[in-house]
Amino acid sequence: MTERHLEHKETLSNGCNIKVKAEILKDGSLGMFIGVYRPDGSVINENHDPRPHMMDMEAAMDWGIDIAKGIGNSQRSL
């Protein structure tokens, strides 16, 4: 059976933390969350409704991780 949700958490080299979630919702659509946080846990960016275009869940996860890393890595070293 295919996974109905995936989650990725990572601490970047500058200390920022990323969290990306993707799940197949009851209606069959894809729900996602992308979060980027400072080392103290304060929010840099949270997107509760990103919309990857025409991607399956695995590709959307890769897309979301790239987005989160781009935001996190653009922060000054902390």
PDB file of N, CA and C in Angstrom:
ATOM      1  N   MET A   1       0.839  -1.189   0.000  1.00  0.00           N
ATOM      2  CA  MET A   1       0.000   0.000   0.000  1.00  0.00           C
ATOM      3  C   MET A   1       0.880   1.248   0.000  1.00  0.00           C
ATOM      4  N   THR A   2       0.499   2.217  -0.752  1.00  0.00           N
ATOM      5  CA  THR A   2       1.237   3.477  -0.839  1.00  0.00           C
ATOM      6  C   THR A   2       1.040   4.282   0.440  1.00  0.00           C
ATOM      7  N   GLU A   3       2.127   4.918   0.888  1.00  0.00           N
ATOM      8  CA  GLU A   3       2.038   5.796   2.058  1.00  0.00           C
ATOM      9  C   GLU A   3       1.034   6.909   1.786  1.00  0.00           C
ATOM     10  N   ARG A   4       0.286   7.295   2.815  1.00  0.00           N
ATOM     11  CA  ARG A   4      -0.675   8.380   2.680  1.00  0.00           C
ATOM     12  C   ARG A   4      -0.112   9.689   3.207  1.00  0.00           C
ATOM     13  N   HIS A   5       1.067   9.638   3.834  1.00  0.00           N
ATOM     14  CA  HIS A   5       1.719  10.868   4.289  1.00  0.00           C
ATOM     15  C   HIS A   5       3.221  10.661   4.390  1.00  0.00           C
ATOM     16  N   LEU A   6       3.947  11.736   4.212  1.00  0.00           N
ATOM     17  CA  LEU A   6       5.402  11.744   4.335  1.00  0.00           C
ATOM     18  C   LEU A   6       5.782  12.976   5.149  1.00  0.00           C
ATOM     19  N   GLU A   7       6.888  12.883   5.893  1.00  0.00           N
ATOM     20  CA  GLU A   7       7.360  14.021   6.675  1.00  0.00           C
ATOM     21  C   GLU A   7       8.885  14.048   6.628  1.00  0.00           C
ATOM     22  N   HIS A   8       9.430  15.244   6.520  1.00  0.00           N
ATOM     23  CA  HIS A   8      10.886  15.435   6.495  1.00  0.00           C
ATOM     24  C   HIS A   8      11.246  16.548   7.458  1.00  0.00           C
ATOM     25  N   LYS A   9      12.182  16.260   8.357  1.00  0.00           N
ATOM     26  CA  LYS A   9      12.721  17.267   9.272  1.00  0.00           C
ATOM     27  C   LYS A   9      14.228  17.265   9.118  1.00  0.00           C
ATOM     28  N   GLU A  10      14.824  18.473   9.159  1.00  0.00           N
ATOM     29  CA  GLU A  10      16.269  18.573   8.967  1.00  0.00           C
ATOM     30  C   GLU A  10      16.777  19.854   9.610  1.00  0.00           C
ATOM     31  N   THR A  11      17.976  19.779  10.180  1.00  0.00           N
ATOM     32  CA  THR A  11      18.665  20.964  10.668  1.00  0.00           C
ATOM     33  C   THR A  11      19.727  21.329   9.643  1.00  0.00           C
ATOM     34  N   LEU A  12      19.675  22.553   9.160  1.00  0.00           N
ATOM     35  CA  LEU A  12      20.609  23.020   8.142  1.00  0.00           C
ATOM     36  C   LEU A  12      21.924  23.454   8.779  1.00  0.00           C
ATOM     37  N   SER A  13      22.941  23.639   7.973  1.00  0.00           N
ATOM     38  CA  SER A  13      24.283  23.953   8.487  1.00  0.00           C
ATOM     39  C   SER A  13      24.332  25.276   9.250  1.00  0.00           C
ATOM     40  N   ASN A  14      23.397  26.213   8.980  1.00  0.00           N
ATOM     41  CA  ASN A  14      23.377  27.490   9.693  1.00  0.00           C
ATOM     42  C   ASN A  14      22.513  27.428  10.956  1.00  0.00           C
ATOM     43  N   GLY A  15      21.993  26.245  11.282  1.00  0.00           N
ATOM     44  CA  GLY A  15      21.204  26.063  12.490  1.00  0.00           C
ATOM     45  C   GLY A  15      19.704  26.147  12.291  1.00  0.00           C
ATOM     46  N   CYS A  16      19.264  26.609  11.130  1.00  0.00           N
ATOM     47  CA  CYS A  16      17.827  26.668  10.859  1.00  0.00           C
ATOM     48  C   CYS A  16      17.267  25.246  10.741  1.00  0.00           C
ATOM     49  N   ASN A  17      16.004  25.091  11.111  1.00  0.00           N
ATOM     50  CA  ASN A  17      15.326  23.801  11.015  1.00  0.00           C
ATOM     51  C   ASN A  17      14.228  23.896   9.973  1.00  0.00           C
ATOM     52  N   ILE A  18      14.067  22.816   9.214  1.00  0.00           N
ATOM     53  CA  ILE A  18      12.979  22.766   8.241  1.00  0.00           C
ATOM     54  C   ILE A  18      12.079  21.579   8.560  1.00  0.00           C
ATOM     55  N   LYS A  19      10.815  21.741   8.218  1.00  0.00           N
ATOM     56  CA  LYS A  19       9.837  20.677   8.378  1.00  0.00           C
ATOM     57  C   LYS A  19       8.918  20.723   7.168  1.00  0.00           C
ATOM     58  N   VAL A  20       8.818  19.593   6.474  1.00  0.00           N
ATOM     59  CA  VAL A  20       7.964  19.505   5.288  1.00  0.00           C
ATOM     60  C   VAL A  20       7.075  18.281   5.443  1.00  0.00           C
ATOM     61  N   LYS A  21       5.775  18.474   5.222  1.00  0.00           N
ATOM     62  CA  LYS A  21       4.826  17.366   5.289  1.00  0.00           C
ATOM     63  C   LYS A  21       3.983  17.341   4.023  1.00  0.00           C
ATOM     64  N   ALA A  22       3.680  16.142   3.567  1.00  0.00           N
ATOM     65  CA  ALA A  22       2.758  15.963   2.445  1.00  0.00           C
ATOM     66  C   ALA A  22       1.840  14.801   2.800  1.00  0.00           C
ATOM     67  N   GLU A  23       0.572  14.942   2.451  1.00  0.00           N
ATOM     68  CA  GLU A  23      -0.371  13.868   2.728  1.00  0.00           C
ATOM     69  C   GLU A  23      -1.464  13.852   1.670  1.00  0.00           C
ATOM     70  N   ILE A  24      -1.962  12.659   1.431  1.00  0.00           N
ATOM     71  CA  ILE A  24      -3.100  12.493   0.541  1.00  0.00           C
ATOM     72  C   ILE A  24      -4.351  12.670   1.398  1.00  0.00           C
ATOM     73  N   LEU A  25      -5.156  13.657   1.061  1.00  0.00           N
ATOM     74  CA  LEU A  25      -6.366  13.949   1.819  1.00  0.00           C
ATOM     75  C   LEU A  25      -7.502  13.005   1.420  1.00  0.00           C
ATOM     76  N   LYS A  26      -8.559  12.997   2.204  1.00  0.00           N
ATOM     77  CA  LYS A  26      -9.689  12.083   1.951  1.00  0.00           C
ATOM     78  C   LYS A  26     -10.281  12.249   0.562  1.00  0.00           C
ATOM     79  N   ASP A  27     -10.256  13.471   0.039  1.00  0.00           N
ATOM     80  CA  ASP A  27     -10.810  13.699  -1.300  1.00  0.00           C
ATOM     81  C   ASP A  27      -9.827  13.351  -2.416  1.00  0.00           C
ATOM     82  N   GLY A  28      -8.635  12.839  -2.030  1.00  0.00           N
ATOM     83  CA  GLY A  28      -7.632  12.443  -3.013  1.00  0.00           C
ATOM     84  C   GLY A  28      -6.662  13.542  -3.386  1.00  0.00           C
ATOM     85  N   SER A  29      -6.890  14.746  -2.902  1.00  0.00           N
ATOM     86  CA  SER A  29      -5.982  15.850  -3.205  1.00  0.00           C
ATOM     87  C   SER A  29      -4.739  15.781  -2.317  1.00  0.00           C
ATOM     88  N   LEU A  30      -3.762  16.583  -2.652  1.00  0.00           N
ATOM     89  CA  LEU A  30      -2.498  16.610  -1.919  1.00  0.00           C
ATOM     90  C   LEU A  30      -2.480  17.799  -0.978  1.00  0.00           C
ATOM     91  N   GLY A  31      -2.273  17.538   0.304  1.00  0.00           N
ATOM     92  CA  GLY A  31      -2.109  18.596   1.288  1.00  0.00           C
ATOM     93  C   GLY A  31      -0.646  18.687   1.682  1.00  0.00           C
ATOM     94  N   MET A  32      -0.150  19.901   1.841  1.00  0.00           N
ATOM     95  CA  MET A  32       1.263  20.075   2.182  1.00  0.00           C
ATOM     96  C   MET A  32       1.446  21.152   3.235  1.00  0.00           C
ATOM     97  N   PHE A  33       2.594  21.088   3.898  1.00  0.00           N
ATOM     98  CA  PHE A  33       3.029  22.106   4.844  1.00  0.00           C
ATOM     99  C   PHE A  33       4.532  22.262   4.689  1.00  0.00           C
ATOM    100  N   ILE A  34       5.005  23.522   4.647  1.00  0.00           N
ATOM    101  CA  ILE A  34       6.438  23.815   4.610  1.00  0.00           C
ATOM    102  C   ILE A  34       6.718  24.801   5.733  1.00  0.00           C
ATOM    103  N   GLY A  35       7.608  24.435   6.654  1.00  0.00           N
ATOM    104  CA  GLY A  35       7.980  25.313   7.758  1.00  0.00           C
ATOM    105  C   GLY A  35       9.485  25.484   7.844  1.00  0.00           C
ATOM    106  N   VAL A  36       9.914  26.709   8.132  1.00  0.00           N
ATOM    107  CA  VAL A  36      11.330  27.028   8.305  1.00  0.00           C
ATOM    108  C   VAL A  36      11.451  27.818   9.606  1.00  0.00           C
ATOM    109  N   TYR A  37      12.384  27.395  10.481  1.00  0.00           N
ATOM    110  CA  TYR A  37      12.485  27.961  11.822  1.00  0.00           C
ATOM    111  C   TYR A  37      13.925  28.292  12.177  1.00  0.00           C
ATOM    112  N   ARG A  38      14.085  29.328  12.993  1.00  0.00           N
ATOM    113  CA  ARG A  38      15.397  29.660  13.545  1.00  0.00           C
ATOM    114  C   ARG A  38      15.773  28.606  14.583  1.00  0.00           C
ATOM    115  N   PRO A  39      17.052  28.562  14.978  1.00  0.00           N
ATOM    116  CA  PRO A  39      17.469  27.577  15.985  1.00  0.00           C
ATOM    117  C   PRO A  39      16.687  27.683  17.298  1.00  0.00           C
ATOM    118  N   ASP A  40      16.201  28.880  17.635  1.00  0.00           N
ATOM    119  CA  ASP A  40      15.429  29.043  18.867  1.00  0.00           C
ATOM    120  C   ASP A  40      13.966  28.635  18.696  1.00  0.00           C
ATOM    121  N   GLY A  41      13.601  28.195  17.498  1.00  0.00           N
ATOM    122  CA  GLY A  41      12.243  27.729  17.228  1.00  0.00           C
ATOM    123  C   GLY A  41      11.312  28.790  16.684  1.00  0.00           C
ATOM    124  N   SER A  42      11.758  30.035  16.636  1.00  0.00           N
ATOM    125  CA  SER A  42      10.885  31.077  16.101  1.00  0.00           C
ATOM    126  C   SER A  42      10.711  30.889  14.590  1.00  0.00           C
ATOM    127  N   VAL A  43       9.562  31.303  14.121  1.00  0.00           N
ATOM    128  CA  VAL A  43       9.173  31.069  12.727  1.00  0.00           C
ATOM    129  C   VAL A  43       9.861  32.043  11.783  1.00  0.00           C
ATOM    130  N   ILE A  44      10.453  31.498  10.748  1.00  0.00           N
ATOM    131  CA  ILE A  44      10.934  32.297   9.628  1.00  0.00           C
ATOM    132  C   ILE A  44       9.848  32.327   8.561  1.00  0.00           C
ATOM    133  N   ASN A  45       9.297  31.153   8.264  1.00  0.00           N
ATOM    134  CA  ASN A  45       8.251  31.051   7.248  1.00  0.00           C
ATOM    135  C   ASN A  45       7.455  29.771   7.495  1.00  0.00           C
ATOM    136  N   GLU A  46       6.146  29.872   7.444  1.00  0.00           N
ATOM    137  CA  GLU A  46       5.266  28.704   7.467  1.00  0.00           C
ATOM    138  C   GLU A  46       4.260  28.866   6.347  1.00  0.00           C
ATOM    139  N   ASN A  47       4.159  27.849   5.525  1.00  0.00           N
ATOM    140  CA  ASN A  47       3.188  27.837   4.433  1.00  0.00           C
ATOM    141  C   ASN A  47       2.316  26.605   4.636  1.00  0.00           C
ATOM    142  N   HIS A  48       1.057  26.827   5.007  1.00  0.00           N
ATOM    143  CA  HIS A  48       0.137  25.728   5.279  1.00  0.00           C
ATOM    144  C   HIS A  48      -0.597  25.243   4.033  1.00  0.00           C
ATOM    145  N   ASP A  49      -0.373  25.893   2.913  1.00  0.00           N
ATOM    146  CA  ASP A  49      -1.103  25.516   1.710  1.00  0.00           C
ATOM    147  C   ASP A  49      -0.289  25.738   0.433  1.00  0.00           C
ATOM    148  N   PRO A  50       0.952  25.199   0.397  1.00  0.00           N
ATOM    149  CA  PRO A  50       1.704  25.323  -0.862  1.00  0.00           C
ATOM    150  C   PRO A  50       1.030  24.498  -1.953  1.00  0.00           C
ATOM    151  N   ARG A  51       1.166  24.912  -3.169  1.00  0.00           N
ATOM    152  CA  ARG A  51       0.492  24.246  -4.287  1.00  0.00           C
ATOM    153  C   ARG A  51       1.469  23.819  -5.382  1.00  0.00           C
ATOM    154  N   PRO A  52       2.105  22.667  -5.202  1.00  0.00           N
ATOM    155  CA  PRO A  52       2.930  22.164  -6.314  1.00  0.00           C
ATOM    156  C   PRO A  52       2.013  21.783  -7.472  1.00  0.00           C
ATOM    157  N   HIS A  53       2.421  22.107  -8.658  1.00  0.00           N
ATOM    158  CA  HIS A  53       1.573  21.894  -9.831  1.00  0.00           C
ATOM    159  C   HIS A  53       1.816  20.521 -10.439  1.00  0.00           C
ATOM    160  N   MET A  54       0.775  19.717 -10.487  1.00  0.00           N
ATOM    161  CA  MET A  54       0.788  18.420 -11.190  1.00  0.00           C
ATOM    162  C   MET A  54       1.918  17.491 -10.729  1.00  0.00           C
ATOM    163  N   MET A  55       2.096  17.329  -9.421  1.00  0.00           N
ATOM    164  CA  MET A  55       3.131  16.444  -8.889  1.00  0.00           C
ATOM    165  C   MET A  55       2.495  15.372  -8.023  1.00  0.00           C
ATOM    166  N   ASP A  56       3.114  14.183  -8.031  1.00  0.00           N
ATOM    167  CA  ASP A  56       2.691  13.169  -7.073  1.00  0.00           C
ATOM    168  C   ASP A  56       3.305  13.499  -5.712  1.00  0.00           C
ATOM    169  N   MET A  57       2.946  12.751  -4.686  1.00  0.00           N
ATOM    170  CA  MET A  57       3.353  13.094  -3.328  1.00  0.00           C
ATOM    171  C   MET A  57       4.877  13.102  -3.163  1.00  0.00           C
ATOM    172  N   GLU A  58       5.568  12.131  -3.733  1.00  0.00           N
ATOM    173  CA  GLU A  58       7.024  12.064  -3.591  1.00  0.00           C
ATOM    174  C   GLU A  58       7.709  13.247  -4.273  1.00  0.00           C
ATOM    175  N   ALA A  59       7.264  13.587  -5.473  1.00  0.00           N
ATOM    176  CA  ALA A  59       7.841  14.738  -6.182  1.00  0.00           C
ATOM    177  C   ALA A  59       7.521  16.036  -5.445  1.00  0.00           C
ATOM    178  N   ALA A  60       6.310  16.132  -4.883  1.00  0.00           N
ATOM    179  CA  ALA A  60       5.931  17.316  -4.122  1.00  0.00           C
ATOM    180  C   ALA A  60       6.793  17.451  -2.865  1.00  0.00           C
ATOM    181  N   MET A  61       7.120  16.339  -2.228  1.00  0.00           N
ATOM    182  CA  MET A  61       8.009  16.383  -1.060  1.00  0.00           C
ATOM    183  C   MET A  61       9.371  16.928  -1.463  1.00  0.00           C
ATOM    184  N   ASP A  62       9.936  16.420  -2.540  1.00  0.00           N
ATOM    185  CA  ASP A  62      11.239  16.915  -3.012  1.00  0.00           C
ATOM    186  C   ASP A  62      11.162  18.413  -3.308  1.00  0.00           C
ATOM    187  N   TRP A  63      10.102  18.849  -3.953  1.00  0.00           N
ATOM    188  CA  TRP A  63       9.869  20.264  -4.262  1.00  0.00           C
ATOM    189  C   TRP A  63       9.809  21.078  -2.979  1.00  0.00           C
ATOM    190  N   GLY A  64       9.026  20.597  -1.993  1.00  0.00           N
ATOM    191  CA  GLY A  64       8.880  21.306  -0.723  1.00  0.00           C
ATOM    192  C   GLY A  64      10.182  21.394   0.054  1.00  0.00           C
ATOM    193  N   ILE A  65      10.961  20.321   0.040  1.00  0.00           N
ATOM    194  CA  ILE A  65      12.257  20.322   0.717  1.00  0.00           C
ATOM    195  C   ILE A  65      13.190  21.333   0.065  1.00  0.00           C
ATOM    196  N   ASP A  66      13.192  21.387  -1.257  1.00  0.00           N
ATOM    197  CA  ASP A  66      14.017  22.377  -1.966  1.00  0.00           C
ATOM    198  C   ASP A  66      13.609  23.803  -1.606  1.00  0.00           C
ATOM    199  N   ILE A  67      12.303  24.057  -1.541  1.00  0.00           N
ATOM    200  CA  ILE A  67      11.804  25.382  -1.167  1.00  0.00           C
ATOM    201  C   ILE A  67      12.270  25.732   0.250  1.00  0.00           C
ATOM    202  N   ALA A  68      12.061  24.804   1.186  1.00  0.00           N
ATOM    203  CA  ALA A  68      12.430  25.042   2.588  1.00  0.00           C
ATOM    204  C   ALA A  68      13.932  25.267   2.742  1.00  0.00           C
ATOM    205  N   LYS A  69      14.736  24.457   2.069  1.00  0.00           N
ATOM    206  CA  LYS A  69      16.191  24.631   2.151  1.00  0.00           C
ATOM    207  C   LYS A  69      16.610  25.976   1.568  1.00  0.00           C
ATOM    208  N   GLY A  70      15.975  26.388   0.476  1.00  0.00           N
ATOM    209  CA  GLY A  70      16.299  27.678  -0.123  1.00  0.00           C
ATOM    210  C   GLY A  70      16.036  28.826   0.840  1.00  0.00           C
ATOM    211  N   ILE A  71      14.897  28.768   1.529  1.00  0.00           N
ATOM    212  CA  ILE A  71      14.559  29.808   2.495  1.00  0.00           C
ATOM    213  C   ILE A  71      15.511  29.738   3.684  1.00  0.00           C
ATOM    214  N   GLY A  72      15.699  28.545   4.220  1.00  0.00           N
ATOM    215  CA  GLY A  72      16.562  28.382   5.398  1.00  0.00           C
ATOM    216  C   GLY A  72      18.003  28.741   5.123  1.00  0.00           C
ATOM    217  N   ASN A  73      18.535  28.291   4.010  1.00  0.00           N
ATOM    218  CA  ASN A  73      19.936  28.556   3.681  1.00  0.00           C
ATOM    219  C   ASN A  73      20.194  30.014   3.321  1.00  0.00           C
ATOM    220  N   SER A  74      19.134  30.763   3.007  1.00  0.00           N
ATOM    221  CA  SER A  74      19.323  32.180   2.687  1.00  0.00           C
ATOM    222  C   SER A  74      19.448  33.033   3.943  1.00  0.00           C
ATOM    223  N   GLN A  75      19.211  32.437   5.107  1.00  0.00           N
ATOM    224  CA  GLN A  75      19.368  33.169   6.371  1.00  0.00           C
ATOM    225  C   GLN A  75      20.845  33.265   6.720  1.00  0.00           C
ATOM    226  N   ARG A  76      21.230  34.340   7.378  1.00  0.00           N
ATOM    227  CA  ARG A  76      22.616  34.458   7.816  1.00  0.00           C
ATOM    228  C   ARG A  76      22.933  33.339   8.793  1.00  0.00           C
ATOM    229  N   SER A  77      24.186  32.949   8.856  1.00  0.00           N
ATOM    230  CA  SER A  77      24.609  31.950   9.833  1.00  0.00           C
ATOM    231  C   SER A  77      24.235  32.427  11.216  1.00  0.00           C
ATOM    232  N   LEU A  78      23.680  31.513  11.971  1.00  0.00           N
ATOM    233  CA  LEU A  78      23.172  31.899  13.291  1.00  0.00           C
ATOM    234  C   LEU A  78      24.033  31.333  14.398  1.00  0.00           C
TER     235      LEU A  78
END
